[in-house]
Amino acid sequence: MKETDLWTLGVILGLAAVTVITRAFFFISSKPWSLPHWAQRGLQYAPIAALSAVIVPEMVMSQGHLIQTWQDARLFAVMAGAAWYFWRQQSSWAMLGTIVVGTAVYLPLHLGLGW
């Protein structure tokens, strides 16, 4: 087996040091540190923005092309999930309910009818 050279070992140690320092930066400081209000508010939307970026292309496209027919289970699942979300928007279970309702509509249409 080939031995690890000094350059590779130095890179590994350097990357480990950078990782530890950047992740522990907030613990090292003796003063309390907090994000500005605008940054805290923006971070509240990060999970839904990331989920939307992953899900939306899958909902409206099929193999790189826009969906051409209404006989697609994804469209009905999206409509049911959106309806649930807007109906229960103020509830703490709104997000989970949206996923459950969307899945409950999608699976029978996709597996049962073959859409």
N, C-alpha and C. Protein backbone atom coordinates (compact mmCIF):
# COMPACT_ATOMS: atom_id res chain seq x y z
N MET A 1 0.85 -1.18 0.00
CA MET A 1 0.00 0.00 0.00
C MET A 1 0.89 1.24 0.00
N LYS A 2 0.48 2.23 -0.74
CA LYS A 2 1.28 3.45 -0.87
C LYS A 2 1.19 4.30 0.39
N GLU A 3 2.32 4.84 0.81
CA GLU A 3 2.35 5.68 1.99
C GLU A 3 1.81 7.07 1.67
N THR A 4 1.22 7.71 2.67
CA THR A 4 0.72 9.07 2.51
C THR A 4 1.90 10.02 2.55
N ASP A 5 1.96 10.89 1.53
CA ASP A 5 3.07 11.84 1.50
C ASP A 5 2.77 13.04 2.39
N LEU A 6 3.78 13.85 2.61
CA LEU A 6 3.69 15.00 3.52
C LEU A 6 2.68 16.03 3.03
N TRP A 7 2.59 16.24 1.73
CA TRP A 7 1.67 17.23 1.15
C TRP A 7 0.22 16.83 1.45
N THR A 8 -0.13 15.58 1.23
CA THR A 8 -1.49 15.11 1.49
C THR A 8 -1.84 15.24 2.97
N LEU A 9 -0.94 14.87 3.83
CA LEU A 9 -1.16 14.99 5.26
C LEU A 9 -1.36 16.44 5.67
N GLY A 10 -0.58 17.36 5.09
CA GLY A 10 -0.72 18.79 5.38
C GLY A 10 -2.06 19.33 4.92
N VAL A 11 -2.53 18.89 3.75
CA VAL A 11 -3.83 19.34 3.25
C VAL A 11 -4.95 18.83 4.16
N ILE A 12 -4.88 17.58 4.56
CA ILE A 12 -5.90 17.02 5.45
C ILE A 12 -5.94 17.78 6.77
N LEU A 13 -4.77 18.02 7.36
CA LEU A 13 -4.72 18.76 8.63
C LEU A 13 -5.21 20.20 8.46
N GLY A 14 -4.84 20.83 7.35
CA GLY A 14 -5.28 22.20 7.09
C GLY A 14 -6.80 22.29 6.94
N LEU A 15 -7.38 21.36 6.18
CA LEU A 15 -8.83 21.35 6.01
C LEU A 15 -9.55 21.05 7.33
N ALA A 16 -8.99 20.16 8.12
CA ALA A 16 -9.58 19.88 9.42
C ALA A 16 -9.53 21.11 10.32
N ALA A 17 -8.41 21.83 10.31
CA ALA A 17 -8.28 23.03 11.13
C ALA A 17 -9.28 24.10 10.70
N VAL A 18 -9.40 24.32 9.40
CA VAL A 18 -10.35 25.31 8.91
C VAL A 18 -11.78 24.92 9.30
N THR A 19 -12.11 23.66 9.18
CA THR A 19 -13.45 23.19 9.54
C THR A 19 -13.72 23.41 11.02
N VAL A 20 -12.80 23.03 11.88
CA VAL A 20 -12.99 23.18 13.32
C VAL A 20 -13.10 24.65 13.69
N ILE A 21 -12.25 25.50 13.14
CA ILE A 21 -12.26 26.92 13.49
C ILE A 21 -13.56 27.58 13.05
N THR A 22 -14.00 27.29 11.81
CA THR A 22 -15.23 27.94 11.33
C THR A 22 -16.46 27.45 12.06
N ARG A 23 -16.49 26.20 12.45
CA ARG A 23 -17.66 25.68 13.17
C ARG A 23 -17.64 26.06 14.64
N ALA A 24 -16.48 26.26 15.21
CA ALA A 24 -16.38 26.59 16.63
C ALA A 24 -16.22 28.09 16.86
N PHE A 25 -16.25 28.89 15.81
CA PHE A 25 -16.03 30.33 15.92
C PHE A 25 -16.98 30.97 16.93
N PHE A 26 -18.23 30.56 16.93
CA PHE A 26 -19.22 31.19 17.79
C PHE A 26 -19.04 30.77 19.25
N PHE A 27 -18.42 29.63 19.48
CA PHE A 27 -18.17 29.17 20.85
C PHE A 27 -16.91 29.78 21.44
N ILE A 28 -15.96 30.14 20.58
CA ILE A 28 -14.69 30.70 21.03
C ILE A 28 -14.86 32.11 21.56
N SER A 29 -15.74 32.88 20.95
CA SER A 29 -15.95 34.27 21.32
C SER A 29 -16.48 34.38 22.75
N SER A 30 -15.96 35.35 23.51
CA SER A 30 -16.42 35.54 24.88
C SER A 30 -17.66 36.42 24.95
N LYS A 31 -17.93 37.18 23.91
CA LYS A 31 -19.10 38.05 23.88
C LYS A 31 -20.27 37.31 23.24
N PRO A 32 -21.47 37.57 23.73
CA PRO A 32 -22.64 36.97 23.06
C PRO A 32 -22.79 37.53 21.66
N TRP A 33 -23.10 36.67 20.73
CA TRP A 33 -23.20 37.08 19.34
C TRP A 33 -24.55 36.65 18.82
N SER A 34 -25.24 37.53 18.12
CA SER A 34 -26.53 37.17 17.54
C SER A 34 -26.63 37.76 16.13
N LEU A 35 -27.42 37.11 15.35
CA LEU A 35 -27.66 37.58 13.99
C LEU A 35 -28.55 38.81 14.01
N PRO A 36 -28.40 39.69 13.03
CA PRO A 36 -29.34 40.81 12.93
C PRO A 36 -30.76 40.27 12.66
N HIS A 37 -31.74 41.08 12.98
CA HIS A 37 -33.14 40.66 12.83
C HIS A 37 -33.45 40.26 11.40
N TRP A 38 -32.96 41.02 10.43
CA TRP A 38 -33.25 40.71 9.03
C TRP A 38 -32.67 39.36 8.62
N ALA A 39 -31.52 38.99 9.18
CA ALA A 39 -30.91 37.70 8.86
C ALA A 39 -31.69 36.56 9.52
N GLN A 40 -32.13 36.75 10.75
CA GLN A 40 -32.94 35.74 11.42
C GLN A 40 -34.24 35.51 10.67
N ARG A 41 -34.84 36.59 10.23
CA ARG A 41 -36.10 36.49 9.49
C ARG A 41 -35.88 35.78 8.15
N GLY A 42 -34.78 36.09 7.50
CA GLY A 42 -34.47 35.43 6.23
C GLY A 42 -34.21 33.95 6.38
N LEU A 43 -33.56 33.56 7.47
CA LEU A 43 -33.26 32.15 7.69
C LEU A 43 -34.51 31.33 8.00
N GLN A 44 -35.58 31.98 8.42
CA GLN A 44 -36.83 31.26 8.65
C GLN A 44 -37.39 30.70 7.34
N TYR A 45 -37.08 31.34 6.23
CA TYR A 45 -37.60 30.92 4.93
C TYR A 45 -36.65 29.97 4.20
N ALA A 46 -35.48 29.72 4.73
CA ALA A 46 -34.50 28.87 4.05
C ALA A 46 -35.00 27.44 3.83
N PRO A 47 -35.61 26.77 4.82
CA PRO A 47 -36.06 25.40 4.56
C PRO A 47 -37.12 25.31 3.47
N ILE A 48 -38.09 26.21 3.48
CA ILE A 48 -39.14 26.15 2.46
C ILE A 48 -38.59 26.52 1.09
N ALA A 49 -37.62 27.43 1.04
CA ALA A 49 -37.01 27.78 -0.24
C ALA A 49 -36.22 26.61 -0.81
N ALA A 50 -35.49 25.91 0.03
CA ALA A 50 -34.73 24.75 -0.42
C ALA A 50 -35.67 23.64 -0.88
N LEU A 51 -36.72 23.39 -0.13
CA LEU A 51 -37.69 22.37 -0.50
C LEU A 51 -38.36 22.72 -1.83
N SER A 52 -38.70 23.97 -2.01
CA SER A 52 -39.32 24.41 -3.26
C SER A 52 -38.37 24.25 -4.44
N ALA A 53 -37.11 24.55 -4.24
CA ALA A 53 -36.14 24.43 -5.33
C ALA A 53 -35.97 22.98 -5.78
N VAL A 54 -36.19 22.05 -4.87
CA VAL A 54 -36.06 20.64 -5.22
C VAL A 54 -37.37 20.09 -5.78
N ILE A 55 -38.49 20.48 -5.21
CA ILE A 55 -39.78 19.89 -5.54
C ILE A 55 -40.44 20.50 -6.78
N VAL A 56 -40.40 21.81 -6.95
CA VAL A 56 -41.13 22.47 -8.03
C VAL A 56 -40.74 21.94 -9.41
N PRO A 57 -39.47 21.79 -9.74
CA PRO A 57 -39.17 21.24 -11.08
C PRO A 57 -39.74 19.84 -11.28
N GLU A 58 -39.77 19.04 -10.23
CA GLU A 58 -40.31 17.68 -10.35
C GLU A 58 -41.83 17.71 -10.54
N MET A 59 -42.50 18.75 -10.01
CA MET A 59 -43.95 18.82 -10.11
C MET A 59 -44.41 19.22 -11.50
N VAL A 60 -43.69 20.06 -12.17
CA VAL A 60 -44.17 20.60 -13.45
C VAL A 60 -43.44 20.06 -14.67
N MET A 61 -42.41 19.25 -14.46
CA MET A 61 -41.65 18.72 -15.59
C MET A 61 -41.56 17.20 -15.52
N SER A 62 -41.49 16.60 -16.69
CA SER A 62 -41.32 15.17 -16.79
C SER A 62 -40.28 14.90 -17.87
N GLN A 63 -39.16 14.35 -17.51
CA GLN A 63 -38.05 14.04 -18.41
C GLN A 63 -37.60 15.28 -19.19
N GLY A 64 -37.55 16.42 -18.50
CA GLY A 64 -37.04 17.65 -19.11
C GLY A 64 -38.05 18.46 -19.87
N HIS A 65 -39.31 18.02 -19.93
CA HIS A 65 -40.35 18.74 -20.65
C HIS A 65 -41.51 19.03 -19.71
N LEU A 66 -42.22 20.13 -19.98
CA LEU A 66 -43.39 20.45 -19.17
C LEU A 66 -44.45 19.37 -19.32
N ILE A 67 -45.21 19.14 -18.26
CA ILE A 67 -46.27 18.14 -18.29
C ILE A 67 -47.32 18.59 -19.29
N GLN A 68 -47.72 17.69 -20.19
CA GLN A 68 -48.65 18.03 -21.27
C GLN A 68 -50.08 17.59 -21.00
N THR A 69 -50.32 16.78 -19.98
CA THR A 69 -51.64 16.24 -19.73
C THR A 69 -52.08 16.48 -18.29
N TRP A 70 -53.40 16.49 -18.10
CA TRP A 70 -53.94 16.63 -16.75
C TRP A 70 -53.96 15.29 -16.02
N GLN A 71 -53.71 14.20 -16.73
CA GLN A 71 -53.69 12.89 -16.09
C GLN A 71 -52.32 12.61 -15.50
N ASP A 72 -51.91 13.46 -14.61
CA ASP A 72 -50.65 13.30 -13.90
C ASP A 72 -50.94 13.48 -12.41
N ALA A 73 -50.61 12.44 -11.66
CA ALA A 73 -50.93 12.43 -10.23
C ALA A 73 -50.25 13.58 -9.48
N ARG A 74 -49.10 14.03 -9.98
CA ARG A 74 -48.37 15.09 -9.29
C ARG A 74 -49.16 16.39 -9.24
N LEU A 75 -49.87 16.70 -10.31
CA LEU A 75 -50.65 17.94 -10.34
C LEU A 75 -51.76 17.94 -9.28
N PHE A 76 -52.46 16.82 -9.17
CA PHE A 76 -53.54 16.73 -8.18
C PHE A 76 -52.98 16.71 -6.76
N ALA A 77 -51.83 16.08 -6.57
CA ALA A 77 -51.20 16.07 -5.25
C ALA A 77 -50.77 17.47 -4.85
N VAL A 78 -50.25 18.23 -5.79
CA VAL A 78 -49.84 19.61 -5.51
C VAL A 78 -51.05 20.46 -5.16
N MET A 79 -52.13 20.32 -5.91
CA MET A 79 -53.33 21.11 -5.62
C MET A 79 -53.90 20.76 -4.25
N ALA A 80 -53.94 19.46 -3.91
CA ALA A 80 -54.46 19.05 -2.60
C ALA A 80 -53.56 19.54 -1.48
N GLY A 81 -52.25 19.41 -1.65
CA GLY A 81 -51.31 19.88 -0.63
C GLY A 81 -51.39 21.38 -0.44
N ALA A 82 -51.48 22.12 -1.55
CA ALA A 82 -51.59 23.59 -1.45
C ALA A 82 -52.90 24.00 -0.77
N ALA A 83 -53.99 23.30 -1.10
CA ALA A 83 -55.27 23.61 -0.46
C ALA A 83 -55.18 23.37 1.04
N TRP A 84 -54.57 22.26 1.44
CA TRP A 84 -54.41 21.96 2.88
C TRP A 84 -53.57 23.05 3.55
N TYR A 85 -52.48 23.42 2.90
CA TYR A 85 -51.60 24.42 3.51
C TYR A 85 -52.32 25.74 3.71
N PHE A 86 -53.04 26.21 2.70
CA PHE A 86 -53.72 27.50 2.84
C PHE A 86 -54.90 27.42 3.80
N TRP A 87 -55.48 26.23 3.97
CA TRP A 87 -56.56 26.06 4.92
C TRP A 87 -56.03 26.05 6.35
N ARG A 88 -54.89 25.42 6.58
CA ARG A 88 -54.30 25.29 7.91
C ARG A 88 -53.01 26.09 8.07
N GLN A 89 -52.90 27.20 7.42
CA GLN A 89 -51.68 27.99 7.38
C GLN A 89 -51.19 28.41 8.77
N GLN A 90 -52.07 28.73 9.65
CA GLN A 90 -51.67 29.20 10.98
C GLN A 90 -51.38 28.07 11.95
N SER A 91 -51.67 26.85 11.57
CA SER A 91 -51.45 25.70 12.45
C SER A 91 -49.99 25.31 12.47
N SER A 92 -49.55 24.73 13.57
CA SER A 92 -48.17 24.26 13.67
C SER A 92 -47.96 22.99 12.85
N TRP A 93 -49.03 22.34 12.44
CA TRP A 93 -48.95 21.12 11.64
C TRP A 93 -49.15 21.37 10.16
N ALA A 94 -49.10 22.62 9.73
CA ALA A 94 -49.40 22.95 8.34
C ALA A 94 -48.43 22.28 7.37
N MET A 95 -47.14 22.32 7.65
CA MET A 95 -46.16 21.74 6.73
C MET A 95 -46.27 20.23 6.67
N LEU A 96 -46.32 19.59 7.83
CA LEU A 96 -46.44 18.13 7.86
C LEU A 96 -47.73 17.69 7.19
N GLY A 97 -48.82 18.39 7.47
CA GLY A 97 -50.10 18.07 6.85
C GLY A 97 -50.07 18.21 5.35
N THR A 98 -49.35 19.21 4.85
CA THR A 98 -49.22 19.41 3.42
C THR A 98 -48.55 18.21 2.77
N ILE A 99 -47.50 17.72 3.39
CA ILE A 99 -46.77 16.56 2.85
C ILE A 99 -47.65 15.31 2.91
N VAL A 100 -48.34 15.11 4.03
CA VAL A 100 -49.18 13.92 4.19
C VAL A 100 -50.34 13.94 3.20
N VAL A 101 -51.03 15.07 3.06
CA VAL A 101 -52.16 15.17 2.15
C VAL A 101 -51.70 15.00 0.70
N GLY A 102 -50.61 15.64 0.34
CA GLY A 102 -50.09 15.49 -1.02
C GLY A 102 -49.74 14.05 -1.33
N THR A 103 -49.10 13.38 -0.39
CA THR A 103 -48.74 11.97 -0.59
C THR A 103 -49.98 11.09 -0.63
N ALA A 104 -50.97 11.39 0.21
CA ALA A 104 -52.20 10.60 0.24
C ALA A 104 -52.98 10.72 -1.06
N VAL A 105 -52.88 11.83 -1.75
CA VAL A 105 -53.54 11.99 -3.04
C VAL A 105 -52.68 11.38 -4.16
N TYR A 106 -51.38 11.56 -4.07
CA TYR A 106 -50.47 11.09 -5.13
C TYR A 106 -50.45 9.56 -5.25
N LEU A 107 -50.28 8.87 -4.13
CA LEU A 107 -50.08 7.42 -4.19
C LEU A 107 -51.24 6.66 -4.82
N PRO A 108 -52.51 6.90 -4.45
CA PRO A 108 -53.59 6.17 -5.11
C PRO A 108 -53.70 6.48 -6.61
N LEU A 109 -53.48 7.72 -6.97
CA LEU A 109 -53.56 8.08 -8.38
C LEU A 109 -52.41 7.47 -9.18
N HIS A 110 -51.23 7.50 -8.61
CA HIS A 110 -50.05 6.99 -9.31
C HIS A 110 -50.02 5.47 -9.35
N LEU A 111 -50.26 4.85 -8.20
CA LEU A 111 -50.19 3.38 -8.14
C LEU A 111 -51.48 2.72 -8.59
N GLY A 112 -52.62 3.31 -8.24
CA GLY A 112 -53.92 2.72 -8.58
C GLY A 112 -54.32 2.93 -10.03
N LEU A 113 -54.22 4.17 -10.50
CA LEU A 113 -54.62 4.48 -11.87
C LEU A 113 -53.46 4.49 -12.86
N GLY A 114 -52.26 4.45 -12.33
CA GLY A 114 -51.09 4.43 -13.22
C GLY A 114 -50.74 5.78 -13.83
N TRP A 115 -51.22 6.84 -13.24
CA TRP A 115 -50.92 8.18 -13.76
C TRP A 115 -49.49 8.53 -13.50
